[in-house]
Amino acid sequence: MTGRPRILLTGFAPFAGLPVNPSGEVVRRLERTGVNIAADLVCRILPIAYRAVPGVLRDLVAEHRPDAALSLGVAIGAPVVRVETTALNRVAFRVPDEDGLMPGETPEPDGPAARGATYRAESVMRAIRAAGVPAAVSHHAGTHLCNLTLYTLLGLLPADAPCGFLHLPLLPEQVAAMMDEADGKPATAPFAPTDLPSIALDLQTRAVAAALSALF
């Protein structure tokens, strides 16, 4: 690596009927404010589209040739920031994407069954906690677009390039709105119950900034 390293930072557009996605909000905020690290950020919001995400990621890597990548997504019900370590070569959507698709298949038939994140997950988790935000190492990135994003990026980047994924909790205002909407109605999946854990956007942004600082 020569000069300043370049980090690809991605989040997602809103999905599952939620008006905002914390991951996208964090990426937008860090794109505006920057991060006090010796690296340049390439910030992008990914669509909620199974067919589109792998191609978008291929184009981003080909254009920007990042030295590291950190992707973000939301995990409804997560009480802390989850530092993911493993991506499966499998998708099994329970919530449709923006095209109405709910695929259940192996996205890369010739690829390995799983790929391990190449950042130092324990160091990233410790950096987030040191910033005052609760975090835990997690060993399963799910089977939705979050998992697909991590699996795809790990296949695109060199093996020595730090690459990983953070699952973020909901925002407090999202939970408050969901509770208001559910008042007087019977609970329905996938948002039952509605009194879910949350972390404020300022703290989520601080957590991601700390994670970025721990990539190299």
Protein backbone atom coordinates (compact mmCIF):
# COMPACT_ATOMS: atom_id res chain seq x y z
CA MET A 1 0.00 0.00 0.00
CA THR A 2 1.38 3.42 -0.96
CA GLY A 3 0.06 6.83 0.05
CA ARG A 4 -3.23 7.19 1.90
CA PRO A 5 -5.33 4.05 1.93
CA ARG A 6 -8.83 4.18 0.49
CA ILE A 7 -11.75 2.65 2.38
CA LEU A 8 -15.05 1.73 0.75
CA LEU A 9 -17.90 2.41 3.18
CA THR A 10 -21.39 1.25 2.21
CA GLY A 11 -24.82 1.33 3.78
CA PHE A 12 -28.30 0.53 2.54
CA ALA A 13 -31.39 2.39 1.44
CA PRO A 14 -34.57 1.95 3.55
CA PHE A 15 -36.33 -1.41 3.44
CA ALA A 16 -39.16 -3.43 4.99
CA GLY A 17 -41.43 -0.38 5.08
CA LEU A 18 -39.12 1.61 7.36
CA PRO A 19 -38.72 5.27 6.30
CA VAL A 20 -34.97 5.35 6.99
CA ASN A 21 -32.16 2.84 7.30
CA PRO A 22 -29.64 3.62 10.07
CA SER A 23 -26.80 2.24 7.95
CA GLY A 24 -27.51 4.67 5.13
CA GLU A 25 -27.90 7.56 7.55
CA VAL A 26 -24.52 6.84 9.13
CA VAL A 27 -22.81 6.64 5.74
CA ARG A 28 -24.33 9.96 4.66
CA ARG A 29 -23.27 11.65 7.88
CA LEU A 30 -19.69 10.38 7.65
CA GLU A 31 -19.53 11.42 4.00
CA ARG A 32 -20.42 14.96 5.09
CA THR A 33 -18.23 15.17 8.20
CA GLY A 34 -15.35 12.86 7.32
CA VAL A 35 -13.44 10.75 9.83
CA ASN A 36 -10.27 11.68 11.67
CA ILE A 37 -8.19 8.84 10.24
CA ALA A 38 -5.32 8.68 7.76
CA ALA A 39 -7.48 7.27 4.98
CA ASP A 40 -9.86 8.45 2.29
CA LEU A 41 -13.48 7.33 2.34
CA VAL A 42 -15.55 6.27 -0.66
CA CYS A 43 -19.14 6.34 0.61
CA ARG A 44 -22.05 4.69 -1.20
CA ILE A 45 -25.65 3.70 -0.46
CA LEU A 46 -26.58 0.31 -1.89
CA PRO A 47 -30.04 -0.45 -3.26
CA ILE A 48 -32.31 -3.03 -1.67
CA ALA A 49 -32.07 -5.15 -4.79
CA TYR A 50 -30.78 -8.71 -4.94
CA ARG A 51 -30.05 -8.60 -8.65
CA ALA A 52 -28.25 -5.25 -8.48
CA VAL A 53 -26.03 -5.38 -5.39
CA PRO A 54 -23.26 -7.71 -6.66
CA GLY A 55 -22.83 -5.68 -9.85
CA VAL A 56 -22.81 -2.38 -7.97
CA LEU A 57 -20.09 -3.71 -5.68
CA ARG A 58 -18.02 -5.01 -8.61
CA ASP A 59 -18.20 -1.59 -10.26
CA LEU A 60 -17.23 0.22 -7.06
CA VAL A 61 -14.21 -2.01 -6.47
CA ALA A 62 -13.11 -1.76 -10.10
CA GLU A 63 -13.43 2.04 -10.12
CA HIS A 64 -11.97 2.90 -6.72
CA ARG A 65 -9.66 -0.07 -5.96
CA PRO A 66 -10.19 0.24 -2.19
CA ASP A 67 -7.55 -0.94 0.26
CA ALA A 68 -10.28 -1.89 2.73
CA ALA A 69 -14.05 -2.09 2.93
CA LEU A 70 -16.58 -1.75 5.71
CA SER A 71 -20.25 -2.31 5.01
CA LEU A 72 -23.20 -1.49 7.24
CA GLY A 73 -26.72 -2.79 7.57
CA VAL A 74 -29.55 -2.75 10.08
CA ALA A 75 -30.47 -5.72 12.28
CA ILE A 76 -33.98 -5.22 13.62
CA GLY A 77 -33.95 -6.26 17.26
CA ALA A 78 -30.17 -6.16 17.73
CA PRO A 79 -29.36 -4.65 21.14
CA VAL A 80 -25.74 -3.72 20.25
CA VAL A 81 -23.55 -3.15 17.21
CA ARG A 82 -22.74 -6.58 15.79
CA VAL A 83 -19.26 -7.06 14.33
CA GLU A 84 -19.77 -9.83 11.78
CA THR A 85 -17.12 -12.44 11.01
CA THR A 86 -18.71 -14.80 8.47
CA ALA A 87 -20.66 -14.55 5.22
CA LEU A 88 -22.47 -17.53 3.71
CA ASN A 89 -22.82 -18.40 0.06
CA ARG A 90 -26.55 -18.51 0.62
CA VAL A 91 -29.50 -16.13 0.47
CA ALA A 92 -32.89 -16.85 2.01
CA PHE A 93 -34.93 -13.66 2.14
CA ARG A 94 -37.77 -13.36 4.64
CA VAL A 95 -38.45 -9.75 3.59
CA PRO A 96 -38.74 -8.98 -0.15
CA ASP A 97 -36.37 -6.58 -1.87
CA GLU A 98 -37.51 -3.51 -3.79
CA ASP A 99 -38.27 -5.70 -6.81
CA GLY A 100 -40.50 -7.98 -4.75
CA LEU A 101 -37.97 -10.82 -4.85
CA MET A 102 -37.52 -13.29 -2.01
CA PRO A 103 -34.71 -15.50 -3.35
CA GLY A 104 -33.53 -18.67 -1.67
CA GLU A 105 -30.44 -19.88 -3.47
CA THR A 106 -26.66 -20.00 -3.72
CA PRO A 107 -25.64 -16.65 -5.27
CA GLU A 108 -22.20 -17.88 -6.40
CA PRO A 109 -22.61 -21.55 -7.43
CA ASP A 110 -18.86 -21.95 -7.92
CA GLY A 111 -17.89 -20.03 -4.79
CA PRO A 112 -16.93 -21.38 -1.36
CA ALA A 113 -19.68 -22.20 1.12
CA ALA A 114 -18.56 -19.32 3.35
CA ARG A 115 -16.00 -16.54 3.49
CA GLY A 116 -14.44 -15.14 6.65
CA ALA A 117 -14.21 -11.40 7.23
CA THR A 118 -10.63 -10.18 6.93
CA TYR A 119 -10.69 -7.31 9.39
CA ARG A 120 -9.64 -7.92 12.98
CA ALA A 121 -13.11 -8.35 14.42
CA GLU A 122 -12.01 -8.35 18.04
CA SER A 123 -9.99 -5.15 17.57
CA VAL A 124 -12.91 -3.48 15.80
CA MET A 125 -15.27 -4.50 18.58
CA ARG A 126 -12.89 -3.17 21.23
CA ALA A 127 -12.51 0.13 19.38
CA ILE A 128 -16.29 0.56 19.25
CA ARG A 129 -16.62 -0.17 22.96
CA ALA A 130 -13.78 2.23 23.72
CA ALA A 131 -15.84 4.90 21.93
CA GLY A 132 -18.63 4.29 24.44
CA VAL A 133 -20.92 2.20 22.26
CA PRO A 134 -21.88 -1.40 23.11
CA ALA A 135 -20.68 -3.94 20.55
CA ALA A 136 -20.19 -7.68 20.24
CA VAL A 137 -18.53 -10.02 17.77
CA SER A 138 -21.13 -11.98 15.80
CA HIS A 139 -20.54 -15.08 13.70
CA HIS A 140 -23.46 -15.01 11.28
CA ALA A 141 -24.31 -12.11 8.95
CA GLY A 142 -27.75 -13.53 8.16
CA THR A 143 -29.07 -14.56 4.75
CA HIS A 144 -30.31 -11.23 3.35
CA LEU A 145 -28.49 -8.47 1.47
CA CYS A 146 -26.13 -7.78 4.36
CA ASN A 147 -24.69 -11.26 4.09
CA LEU A 148 -24.61 -11.05 0.30
CA THR A 149 -22.71 -7.76 0.45
CA LEU A 150 -20.02 -9.13 2.76
CA TYR A 151 -19.71 -12.37 0.77
CA THR A 152 -19.40 -10.49 -2.51
CA LEU A 153 -16.84 -7.96 -1.26
CA LEU A 154 -14.68 -10.68 0.27
CA GLY A 155 -14.56 -12.32 -3.14
CA LEU A 156 -13.62 -9.07 -4.88
CA LEU A 157 -10.91 -7.71 -2.58
CA PRO A 158 -7.41 -9.13 -2.05
CA ALA A 159 -7.15 -11.57 0.83
CA ASP A 160 -4.98 -9.12 2.82
CA ALA A 161 -7.43 -6.21 2.46
CA PRO A 162 -9.38 -5.60 5.71
CA CYS A 163 -13.04 -6.21 4.95
CA GLY A 164 -16.00 -6.65 7.26
CA PHE A 165 -19.59 -5.85 8.11
CA LEU A 166 -21.36 -4.11 11.01
CA HIS A 167 -25.01 -4.71 11.83
CA LEU A 168 -26.50 -1.62 13.47
CA PRO A 169 -29.56 -1.47 15.74
CA LEU A 170 -32.64 0.57 14.99
CA LEU A 171 -32.80 4.28 15.83
CA PRO A 172 -34.86 5.37 18.88
CA GLU A 173 -37.19 7.45 16.71
CA GLN A 174 -37.88 4.41 14.55
CA VAL A 175 -38.85 2.33 17.56
CA ALA A 176 -41.01 5.15 18.93
CA ALA A 177 -42.84 5.42 15.60
CA MET A 178 -43.32 1.66 15.41
CA MET A 179 -44.75 1.60 18.93
CA ASP A 180 -47.14 4.45 18.10
CA GLU A 181 -48.27 2.70 14.95
CA ALA A 182 -48.83 -0.56 16.81
CA ASP A 183 -50.88 0.98 19.65
CA GLY A 184 -54.23 -0.74 19.81
CA LYS A 185 -53.37 -3.22 17.05
CA PRO A 186 -52.49 -6.89 17.41
CA ALA A 187 -48.77 -7.58 16.99
CA THR A 188 -47.77 -8.89 13.56
CA ALA A 189 -44.52 -10.27 12.15
CA PRO A 190 -41.86 -9.25 11.46
CA PHE A 191 -42.13 -6.38 13.93
CA ALA A 192 -43.54 -8.11 16.99
CA PRO A 193 -42.82 -6.95 19.60
CA THR A 194 -42.34 -3.27 18.87
CA ASP A 195 -40.49 -2.32 22.07
CA LEU A 196 -37.17 -3.09 20.40
CA PRO A 197 -33.60 -2.07 21.32
CA SER A 198 -32.18 1.05 19.71
CA ILE A 199 -29.08 3.25 19.63
CA ALA A 200 -29.08 6.94 18.69
CA LEU A 201 -27.64 8.03 15.34
CA ASP A 202 -24.85 10.06 16.98
CA LEU A 203 -23.66 6.98 18.84
CA GLN A 204 -23.99 4.74 15.80
CA THR A 205 -21.91 7.20 13.80
CA ARG A 206 -19.30 7.27 16.56
CA ALA A 207 -19.21 3.47 16.53
CA VAL A 208 -18.61 3.28 12.79
CA ALA A 209 -15.92 5.97 12.94
CA ALA A 210 -14.17 3.94 15.62
CA ALA A 211 -14.45 0.79 13.52
CA LEU A 212 -12.90 2.58 10.54
CA SER A 213 -9.99 3.68 12.70
CA ALA A 214 -9.33 0.05 13.65
CA LEU A 215 -9.22 -1.39 10.12
CA PHE A 216 -5.43 -0.94 9.64
